[in-house]
Amino acid sequence: MPRIKADPLALNAVICAVLKGPNTTPDDFKRATLVDSFSMIYHKFPSWAEPTPGDFSILGMLENMHTLHFPNDIGRPPIQVNDFSFLASCKKLKRLDVARTSFTDCSILLQLPPLSYVRLPEKGQLTHLEALERLPKQTKVSFLNPPAPTPPPAVTPPPRKKSEGSETVKAIVEEIKKRTATDCYRLTGRPGVTPGLTDSKFGGLPYWDPAMPYPVDGTGKKLVLLAQINFDQLQVDEPLPQGGLLQFFIGDDCFGLDCPGGHRVVYHPVINPSVTAEQLRSLRIPTQAETEIFPLANSMAVTIEKTAGYMGPADERFDALFAQVFRAVTGQALEPGMHYWNTLAGGDYDYLYDQLSTDGHHLLGYPYFTQEDPREGAYETLLFQMDSDDNILWGECGVANFFIDLEKLKQRDFSDVFYTWDCCWPHFDAR
């Protein structure tokens, strides 16, 4: 048998993937479907193997491999792979993580039609970025984004003067507000204010009853608290809970959308006052402080204020609503192919956006997206939205939303929640 050259890490990963230890033979390669164990090196390799640093071409021989995850340990240097051309042979590959490797050439990804998710190094390391635009629509792309250095204090520019708007657009906006007004609870983070265990907060150590199984993703990895709302400390109206604690958890890879079960919404009707932070720390519950990439770096207390919410242009229903209101206000129907964005002049367009803004953090109300509304007619009720701000960052200044069916919210059934986040690059969602 001719000897196969392979990096020791690649050899180890293949041996672990086929579960036959050092007795693995090339005939066993077809058994490998998931390759992710690069951390431990066998001291004795098979006779057919020739350890060759940097040569990972052996991975291209795994004809049934659907998942390839190189390690993401923060403390280890990136894995040096001399040549990634072996990926072209991985015709069944669906999930790929090369974020902490020497990967550069994005064009090779075009040779992987089944690919549904890929995590790449930071953009500055990559070439042929234009290839990412040609990937199939279903392929989700994320990047390794190390924390940027804190910029020096900037001079705050004067606030942008809001457009006054014409009388027509003012009438349109007022009619839209009249038709869509609903309760909305604005959330404001308080950086530097340390919240208690059961307080409303973004991030931090979550309250949890130690007698309950802690939420994990499909791989068994513990989820991280994104936010919790203590309704015992608030006065809110139905359909929100009138007491108890509502929590939002996500995973720390691709903000909870890298694997099944990467998000959970949990409701505690009653809070056990005897639970202590020391108890929970003993359970090794992760927080945003221990994650590599997370929307927020520090936990913060949250204040909540009731206000009115109105449907904005981001909502998938807005186009139809605008056409109805335009006709009611002006007495004229929109011509075919005309929408709010190509009907309103610049000043009127800005006025409508200013008046019907749905950005920010809030419970209920209407959603904001940086891209399109992904709901496709389902999950009509916005449960929780967390936006990007000076202390929170979703990818490239994106926003995250949790949607629920209204009847399930009234029943306090949070088992079926649609979670999505988007930014100016990819769009991700999970039902």
Protein backbone atom coordinates (compact mmCIF):
# COMPACT_ATOMS: atom_id res chain seq x y z
CA MET A 1 0.00 0.00 0.00
CA PRO A 2 1.43 3.41 -0.94
CA ARG A 3 2.01 5.68 2.03
CA ILE A 4 -0.35 8.63 2.41
CA LYS A 5 1.19 11.96 3.42
CA ALA A 6 -0.83 13.82 6.04
CA ASP A 7 -0.39 16.36 8.80
CA PRO A 8 -0.46 14.68 12.25
CA LEU A 9 -3.54 16.72 13.17
CA ALA A 10 -5.31 15.51 10.02
CA LEU A 11 -4.33 11.91 10.75
CA ASN A 12 -5.67 12.19 14.26
CA ALA A 13 -8.92 13.71 13.04
CA VAL A 14 -9.45 10.94 10.49
CA ILE A 15 -8.68 8.20 13.02
CA CYS A 16 -11.13 9.70 15.50
CA ALA A 17 -13.78 10.14 12.80
CA VAL A 18 -13.82 6.45 11.83
CA LEU A 19 -13.60 5.28 15.50
CA LYS A 20 -11.04 2.52 14.87
CA GLY A 21 -7.99 4.06 16.54
CA PRO A 22 -4.55 3.46 15.11
CA ASN A 23 -5.81 0.33 13.32
CA THR A 24 -7.69 2.53 10.85
CA THR A 25 -7.13 1.77 7.17
CA PRO A 26 -8.02 3.81 4.07
CA ASP A 27 -10.87 1.35 3.52
CA ASP A 28 -12.48 2.81 6.65
CA PHE A 29 -12.52 6.36 5.29
CA LYS A 30 -16.05 6.09 3.93
CA ARG A 31 -17.30 5.79 7.52
CA ALA A 32 -16.21 9.33 8.36
CA THR A 33 -19.06 11.86 8.24
CA LEU A 34 -18.13 14.40 10.94
CA VAL A 35 -14.50 15.50 11.37
CA ASP A 36 -13.77 17.81 14.29
CA SER A 37 -11.32 16.09 16.65
CA PHE A 38 -7.97 17.75 15.99
CA SER A 39 -6.90 18.22 19.59
CA MET A 40 -5.23 14.92 20.53
CA ILE A 41 -2.37 13.28 18.61
CA TYR A 42 -1.85 9.53 18.51
CA HIS A 43 1.76 8.65 19.23
CA LYS A 44 1.64 5.67 16.91
CA PHE A 45 0.22 6.17 13.45
CA PRO A 46 -0.79 3.45 10.95
CA SER A 47 1.92 2.02 8.73
CA TRP A 48 0.30 3.51 5.63
CA ALA A 49 0.61 7.06 7.01
CA GLU A 50 3.54 9.41 6.53
CA PRO A 51 3.23 12.38 8.93
CA THR A 52 3.78 15.53 6.88
CA PRO A 53 3.14 18.90 8.56
CA GLY A 54 0.74 21.14 6.67
CA ASP A 55 -0.61 18.41 4.35
CA PHE A 56 -4.36 17.97 4.96
CA SER A 57 -5.17 16.39 1.60
CA ILE A 58 -6.18 13.17 3.37
CA LEU A 59 -9.43 14.91 4.29
CA GLY A 60 -10.35 15.01 0.61
CA MET A 61 -10.47 11.20 0.66
CA LEU A 62 -13.42 11.14 3.07
CA GLU A 63 -16.13 10.82 0.44
CA ASN A 64 -19.05 10.87 2.91
CA MET A 65 -17.87 13.72 5.13
CA HIS A 66 -20.68 16.26 5.65
CA THR A 67 -19.14 18.34 8.49
CA LEU A 68 -15.56 19.61 8.88
CA HIS A 69 -14.80 21.81 11.88
CA PHE A 70 -11.24 22.88 12.56
CA PRO A 71 -10.66 23.75 16.24
CA ASN A 72 -11.62 27.18 17.50
CA ASP A 73 -9.57 27.26 20.72
CA ILE A 74 -8.63 30.85 21.48
CA GLY A 75 -5.35 29.86 23.10
CA ARG A 76 -3.86 27.97 20.16
CA PRO A 77 -2.39 29.47 17.00
CA PRO A 78 -4.24 29.08 13.70
CA ILE A 79 -3.75 25.73 12.00
CA GLN A 80 -1.44 25.99 9.01
CA VAL A 81 -2.84 24.18 5.98
CA ASN A 82 -0.58 24.29 2.95
CA ASP A 83 -3.30 23.71 0.39
CA PHE A 84 -7.08 23.72 0.70
CA SER A 85 -7.69 22.30 -2.76
CA PHE A 86 -8.74 19.01 -1.12
CA LEU A 87 -12.07 20.68 -0.33
CA ALA A 88 -13.07 20.34 -3.98
CA SER A 89 -13.22 16.57 -3.45
CA CYS A 90 -15.59 16.86 -0.49
CA LYS A 91 -18.75 16.73 -2.58
CA LYS A 92 -21.08 16.03 0.37
CA LEU A 93 -19.72 18.75 2.66
CA LYS A 94 -22.55 20.79 4.23
CA ARG A 95 -20.88 22.53 7.19
CA LEU A 96 -17.36 23.96 7.25
CA ASP A 97 -15.44 25.92 9.90
CA VAL A 98 -11.99 27.15 8.86
CA ALA A 99 -12.07 30.33 10.96
CA ARG A 100 -8.83 29.57 12.83
CA THR A 101 -6.79 28.26 9.94
CA SER A 102 -4.65 29.71 7.16
CA PHE A 103 -7.60 29.61 4.72
CA THR A 104 -7.59 32.47 2.19
CA ASP A 105 -9.19 31.65 -1.19
CA CYS A 106 -13.00 31.89 -1.04
CA SER A 107 -13.44 30.81 -4.67
CA ILE A 108 -12.97 27.15 -3.76
CA LEU A 109 -16.28 27.28 -1.86
CA LEU A 110 -18.09 27.52 -5.19
CA GLN A 111 -17.14 23.88 -5.79
CA LEU A 112 -19.21 22.76 -2.80
CA PRO A 113 -22.89 22.99 -3.88
CA PRO A 114 -24.32 21.26 -0.77
CA LEU A 115 -22.64 23.78 1.58
CA SER A 116 -25.21 25.24 3.99
CA TYR A 117 -22.91 26.93 6.51
CA VAL A 118 -19.31 28.14 6.45
CA ARG A 119 -17.33 30.03 9.06
CA LEU A 120 -14.31 31.89 7.70
CA PRO A 121 -11.33 33.82 9.08
CA GLU A 122 -11.62 37.59 9.38
CA LYS A 123 -12.15 39.30 6.03
CA GLY A 124 -8.69 40.87 5.92
CA GLN A 125 -7.16 37.40 5.53
CA LEU A 126 -9.39 36.38 2.61
CA THR A 127 -9.10 36.68 -1.16
CA HIS A 128 -11.79 36.42 -3.87
CA LEU A 129 -14.48 37.68 -1.51
CA GLU A 130 -16.70 38.24 -4.53
CA ALA A 131 -17.18 34.46 -4.67
CA LEU A 132 -19.28 34.66 -1.50
CA GLU A 133 -21.90 36.62 -3.46
CA ARG A 134 -22.22 33.68 -5.87
CA LEU A 135 -22.81 31.04 -3.20
CA PRO A 136 -26.27 29.46 -3.14
CA LYS A 137 -28.87 31.49 -1.31
CA GLN A 138 -29.19 28.88 1.43
CA THR A 139 -25.48 29.03 2.32
CA LYS A 140 -24.97 30.98 5.55
CA VAL A 141 -21.61 32.70 5.98
CA SER A 142 -20.01 34.01 9.17
CA PHE A 143 -16.57 35.33 10.00
CA LEU A 144 -14.07 35.28 12.81
CA ASN A 145 -14.16 38.81 14.17
CA PRO A 146 -11.62 39.40 16.94
CA PRO A 147 -12.42 42.26 19.31
CA ALA A 148 -11.32 45.56 17.83
CA PRO A 149 -9.19 47.91 19.93
CA THR A 150 -11.13 50.54 21.80
CA PRO A 151 -11.18 53.67 19.64
CA PRO A 152 -10.33 57.04 21.15
CA PRO A 153 -13.26 59.19 22.23
CA ALA A 154 -14.84 60.86 19.25
CA VAL A 155 -16.42 64.25 18.99
CA THR A 156 -20.17 63.75 19.02
CA PRO A 157 -21.65 65.20 15.82
CA PRO A 158 -24.71 67.36 16.09
CA PRO A 159 -27.96 65.42 15.83
CA ARG A 160 -29.32 64.99 12.35
CA LYS A 161 -32.16 67.35 11.66
CA LYS A 162 -35.26 65.32 11.02
CA SER A 163 -37.17 65.92 7.84
CA GLU A 164 -40.31 67.98 8.18
CA GLY A 165 -42.15 66.14 5.42
CA SER A 166 -44.97 67.28 3.18
CA GLU A 167 -48.56 67.50 4.35
CA THR A 168 -49.35 64.41 2.30
CA VAL A 169 -46.72 62.20 3.91
CA LYS A 170 -47.67 63.54 7.35
CA ALA A 171 -51.24 62.44 6.72
CA ILE A 172 -50.04 59.03 5.49
CA VAL A 173 -47.88 58.52 8.56
CA GLU A 174 -50.65 59.53 10.94
CA GLU A 175 -53.05 57.09 9.29
CA ILE A 176 -50.49 54.28 9.50
CA LYS A 177 -49.97 55.06 13.18
CA LYS A 178 -53.72 55.05 13.74
CA ARG A 179 -54.10 51.65 12.07
CA THR A 180 -51.11 49.89 13.59
CA ALA A 181 -50.60 51.40 17.07
CA THR A 182 -49.78 48.79 19.70
CA ASP A 183 -48.08 48.55 23.07
CA CYS A 184 -44.31 48.40 22.99
CA TYR A 185 -41.88 48.19 25.90
CA ARG A 186 -38.55 49.89 25.22
CA LEU A 187 -35.48 48.38 26.89
CA THR A 188 -32.49 50.51 27.77
CA GLY A 189 -29.20 48.97 28.82
CA ARG A 190 -27.31 50.62 31.68
CA PRO A 191 -23.58 49.97 31.12
CA GLY A 192 -21.63 49.97 34.37
CA VAL A 193 -24.67 49.08 36.50
CA THR A 194 -24.24 45.50 37.75
CA PRO A 195 -27.58 43.64 37.87
CA GLY A 196 -28.54 41.11 40.50
CA LEU A 197 -29.13 37.43 39.84
CA THR A 198 -32.88 37.79 39.21
CA ASP A 199 -32.89 41.35 37.82
CA SER A 200 -33.82 42.28 34.26
CA LYS A 201 -30.55 42.39 32.35
CA PHE A 202 -28.59 41.80 29.18
CA GLY A 203 -26.04 39.00 29.58
CA GLY A 204 -24.50 37.93 32.88
CA LEU A 205 -25.16 34.92 35.08
CA PRO A 206 -28.75 33.75 34.58
CA TYR A 207 -31.12 32.81 37.34
CA TRP A 208 -31.71 29.08 37.18
CA ASP A 209 -33.32 26.46 39.38
CA PRO A 210 -30.55 23.84 39.94
CA ALA A 211 -33.21 21.12 39.97
CA MET A 212 -33.99 21.81 36.30
CA PRO A 213 -31.86 20.63 33.36
CA TYR A 214 -29.95 23.61 31.98
CA PRO A 215 -30.60 24.45 28.27
CA VAL A 216 -28.06 23.04 25.81
CA ASP A 217 -27.74 22.98 22.03
CA GLY A 218 -27.88 19.90 19.81
CA THR A 219 -24.28 19.01 20.66
CA GLY A 220 -24.84 19.20 24.41
CA LYS A 221 -23.08 22.55 24.79
CA LYS A 222 -24.60 24.92 27.35
CA LEU A 223 -26.30 28.01 26.00
CA VAL A 224 -25.46 31.55 27.11
CA LEU A 225 -27.89 34.08 28.55
CA LEU A 226 -28.65 36.89 26.12
CA ALA A 227 -31.31 38.63 28.19
CA GLN A 228 -33.74 38.06 31.03
CA ILE A 229 -36.81 40.05 32.03
CA ASN A 230 -38.18 39.95 35.58
CA PHE A 231 -41.91 40.62 35.35
CA ASP A 232 -42.22 40.54 39.14
CA GLN A 233 -40.40 43.90 39.08
CA LEU A 234 -42.53 45.39 36.30
CA GLN A 235 -46.06 46.47 35.51
CA VAL A 236 -46.88 45.33 32.00
CA ASP A 237 -50.08 44.45 30.22
CA GLU A 238 -51.19 41.27 28.54
CA PRO A 239 -50.20 39.40 26.46
CA LEU A 240 -46.88 39.64 28.35
CA PRO A 241 -46.56 37.59 31.54
CA GLN A 242 -47.85 39.26 34.67
CA GLY A 243 -45.09 37.80 36.80
CA GLY A 244 -42.17 35.42 36.71
CA LEU A 245 -38.94 35.54 34.74
CA LEU A 246 -38.49 35.28 30.95
CA GLN A 247 -35.07 34.35 29.57
CA PHE A 248 -33.50 34.31 26.12
CA PHE A 249 -30.54 31.98 25.53
CA ILE A 250 -28.32 31.56 22.46
CA GLY A 251 -25.21 29.58 21.59
CA ASP A 252 -21.82 31.21 21.21
CA ASP A 253 -21.13 30.09 17.63
CA CYS A 254 -22.77 32.12 14.88
CA PHE A 255 -24.80 33.68 17.71
CA GLY A 256 -26.69 30.45 18.30
CA LEU A 257 -27.38 29.41 14.74
CA ASP A 258 -24.41 27.14 14.02
CA CYS A 259 -26.21 23.98 15.12
CA PRO A 260 -29.74 22.77 15.97
CA GLY A 261 -31.08 23.89 19.32
CA GLY A 262 -28.85 26.95 19.41
CA HIS A 263 -31.51 29.16 21.00
CA ARG A 264 -34.07 28.77 23.78
CA VAL A 265 -36.69 30.92 25.43
CA VAL A 266 -37.44 29.83 28.99
CA TYR A 267 -40.17 31.08 31.29
CA HIS A 268 -40.06 30.65 35.07
CA PRO A 269 -43.57 31.33 36.47
CA VAL A 270 -42.13 31.44 39.99
CA ILE A 271 -38.65 32.51 41.08
CA ASN A 272 -37.05 30.43 43.84
CA PRO A 273 -35.60 33.02 46.26
CA SER A 274 -33.22 30.48 47.83
CA VAL A 275 -31.11 30.09 44.65
CA THR A 276 -27.70 31.75 44.97
CA ALA A 277 -25.08 32.84 42.48
CA GLU A 278 -22.58 30.52 44.17
CA GLN A 279 -24.86 27.55 43.46
CA LEU A 280 -25.11 28.46 39.80
CA ARG A 281 -21.40 29.09 39.38
CA SER A 282 -20.80 25.57 40.68
CA LEU A 283 -22.86 24.30 37.71
CA ARG A 284 -20.33 25.95 35.37
CA ILE A 285 -22.99 27.96 33.60
CA PRO A 286 -21.25 30.00 30.86
CA THR A 287 -21.68 33.76 30.47
CA GLN A 288 -20.86 36.17 27.67
CA ALA A 289 -17.52 36.86 29.40
CA GLU A 290 -16.29 33.31 28.62
CA THR A 291 -17.37 33.23 24.98
CA GLU A 292 -15.17 33.95 21.98
CA ILE A 293 -17.72 35.93 19.97
CA PHE A 294 -20.96 37.24 21.46
CA PRO A 295 -23.19 40.26 20.76
CA LEU A 296 -22.27 41.90 24.06
CA ALA A 297 -19.06 41.85 26.06
CA ASN A 298 -20.40 42.95 29.44
CA SER A 299 -23.54 42.31 31.43
CA MET A 300 -25.70 45.33 32.19
CA ALA A 301 -28.88 46.18 34.01
CA VAL A 302 -31.93 47.07 31.94
CA THR A 303 -34.73 49.59 32.41
CA ILE A 304 -38.10 49.20 30.70
CA GLU A 305 -40.50 51.90 29.54
CA LYS A 306 -43.94 51.47 27.98
CA THR A 307 -44.47 53.34 24.73
CA ALA A 308 -46.40 53.00 21.48
CA GLY A 309 -45.14 50.99 18.54
CA TYR A 310 -46.11 51.43 14.90
CA MET A 311 -45.54 49.27 11.85
CA GLY A 312 -42.44 50.37 9.94
CA PRO A 313 -41.05 49.72 6.45
CA ALA A 314 -39.08 46.66 7.61
CA ASP A 315 -42.27 44.66 8.19
CA GLU A 316 -43.26 42.34 5.32
CA ARG A 317 -46.81 43.69 5.54
CA PHE A 318 -45.86 47.34 5.19
CA ASP A 319 -45.91 47.54 1.39
CA ALA A 320 -49.55 46.47 1.22
CA LEU A 321 -50.47 48.75 4.11
CA PHE A 322 -48.80 51.75 2.47
CA ALA A 323 -50.73 51.17 -0.76
CA GLN A 324 -54.03 51.08 1.15
CA VAL A 325 -53.24 54.20 3.16
CA PHE A 326 -51.90 56.09 0.13
CA ARG A 327 -55.18 55.53 -1.65
CA ALA A 328 -57.22 56.49 1.42
CA VAL A 329 -55.27 59.75 1.89
CA THR A 330 -54.77 60.84 -1.71
CA GLY A 331 -57.75 59.20 -3.41
CA GLN A 332 -55.35 57.69 -5.95
CA ALA A 333 -54.13 54.12 -6.32
CA LEU A 334 -50.43 53.41 -6.68
CA GLU A 335 -49.43 52.59 -10.21
CA PRO A 336 -48.19 49.03 -10.92
CA GLY A 337 -44.61 48.57 -9.76
CA MET A 338 -44.77 51.51 -7.36
CA HIS A 339 -44.01 51.12 -3.65
CA TYR A 340 -43.40 53.46 -0.72
CA TRP A 341 -39.68 53.65 -1.54
CA ASN A 342 -40.12 54.75 -5.16
CA THR A 343 -43.23 56.87 -4.51
CA LEU A 344 -41.96 59.22 -1.81
CA ALA A 345 -39.44 61.97 -2.56
CA GLY A 346 -36.25 62.17 -0.48
CA GLY A 347 -37.57 64.41 2.31
CA ASP A 348 -40.86 62.54 2.57
CA TYR A 349 -39.03 59.20 2.52
CA ASP A 350 -36.82 60.31 5.43
CA TYR A 351 -39.81 61.63 7.34
CA LEU A 352 -41.65 58.31 7.05
CA TYR A 353 -38.59 56.39 8.27
CA ASP A 354 -38.05 58.79 11.17
CA GLN A 355 -41.66 58.63 12.32
CA LEU A 356 -42.11 54.88 11.91
CA SER A 357 -38.75 53.75 13.24
CA THR A 358 -38.80 50.27 14.80
CA ASP A 359 -35.14 49.95 15.73
CA GLY A 360 -33.75 49.64 19.27
CA HIS A 361 -34.34 47.07 22.02
CA HIS A 362 -37.94 46.28 22.92
CA LEU A 363 -40.61 43.75 23.86
CA LEU A 364 -43.61 43.59 21.52
CA GLY A 365 -44.13 46.28 18.92
CA TYR A 366 -42.89 45.80 15.36
CA PRO A 367 -39.56 44.45 14.12
CA TYR A 368 -36.61 46.07 12.47
CA PHE A 369 -34.31 44.27 10.00
CA THR A 370 -31.21 45.29 8.10
CA GLN A 371 -32.33 42.96 5.31
CA GLU A 372 -35.71 41.44 4.40
CA ASP A 373 -38.39 40.16 6.77
CA PRO A 374 -37.79 36.37 6.90
CA ARG A 375 -41.07 35.28 8.53
CA GLU A 376 -43.02 34.51 5.33
CA GLY A 377 -46.39 35.11 6.94
CA ALA A 378 -45.79 33.15 10.16
CA TYR A 379 -44.92 34.16 13.74
CA GLU A 380 -46.79 37.45 13.68
CA THR A 381 -45.88 38.61 17.20
CA LEU A 382 -42.51 40.16 18.03
CA LEU A 383 -41.57 38.88 21.48
CA PHE A 384 -38.14 40.50 21.87
CA GLN A 385 -35.77 42.55 19.73
CA MET A 386 -32.12 43.33 20.57
CA ASP A 387 -30.45 45.86 18.29
CA SER A 388 -26.81 46.93 17.91
CA ASP A 389 -25.68 50.01 19.83
CA ASP A 390 -22.53 51.34 21.51
CA ASN A 391 -22.34 48.23 23.73
CA ILE A 392 -23.98 45.54 21.59
CA LEU A 393 -22.93 44.36 18.14
CA TRP A 394 -24.66 41.78 15.93
CA GLY A 395 -22.16 41.06 13.16
CA GLU A 396 -21.83 44.26 11.16
CA CYS A 397 -24.31 46.45 13.07
CA GLY A 398 -27.21 44.02 12.75
CA VAL A 399 -30.25 43.18 14.83
CA ALA A 400 -31.79 40.05 16.40
CA ASN A 401 -35.46 39.15 16.82
CA PHE A 402 -37.50 36.49 18.60
CA PHE A 403 -41.01 35.90 17.21
CA ILE A 404 -43.88 33.84 18.59
CA ASP A 405 -47.48 32.97 17.79
CA LEU A 406 -49.79 35.25 19.80
CA GLU A 407 -51.91 32.43 21.21
CA LYS A 408 -48.82 30.59 22.42
CA LEU A 409 -47.62 33.77 24.11
CA LYS A 410 -50.95 34.08 25.92
CA GLN A 411 -50.61 30.44 27.01
CA ARG A 412 -46.98 31.08 28.18
CA ASP A 413 -45.82 28.39 25.75
CA PHE A 414 -42.34 29.36 24.56
CA SER A 415 -41.43 26.03 22.98
CA ASP A 416 -41.87 27.31 19.40
CA VAL A 417 -40.04 30.60 18.88
CA PHE A 418 -38.60 31.87 15.60
CA TYR A 419 -35.17 33.40 16.19
CA THR A 420 -33.38 35.45 13.55
CA TRP A 421 -30.53 37.89 13.31
CA ASP A 422 -29.16 39.74 10.33
CA CYS A 423 -26.61 42.37 9.41
CA CYS A 424 -25.34 43.89 6.18
CA TRP A 425 -23.62 40.61 5.22
CA PRO A 426 -25.48 37.34 5.94
CA HIS A 427 -28.94 36.62 7.25
CA PHE A 428 -29.65 33.82 9.70
CA ASP A 429 -32.79 32.38 11.20
CA ALA A 430 -34.01 29.27 12.98
CA ARG A 431 -37.46 27.96 13.77
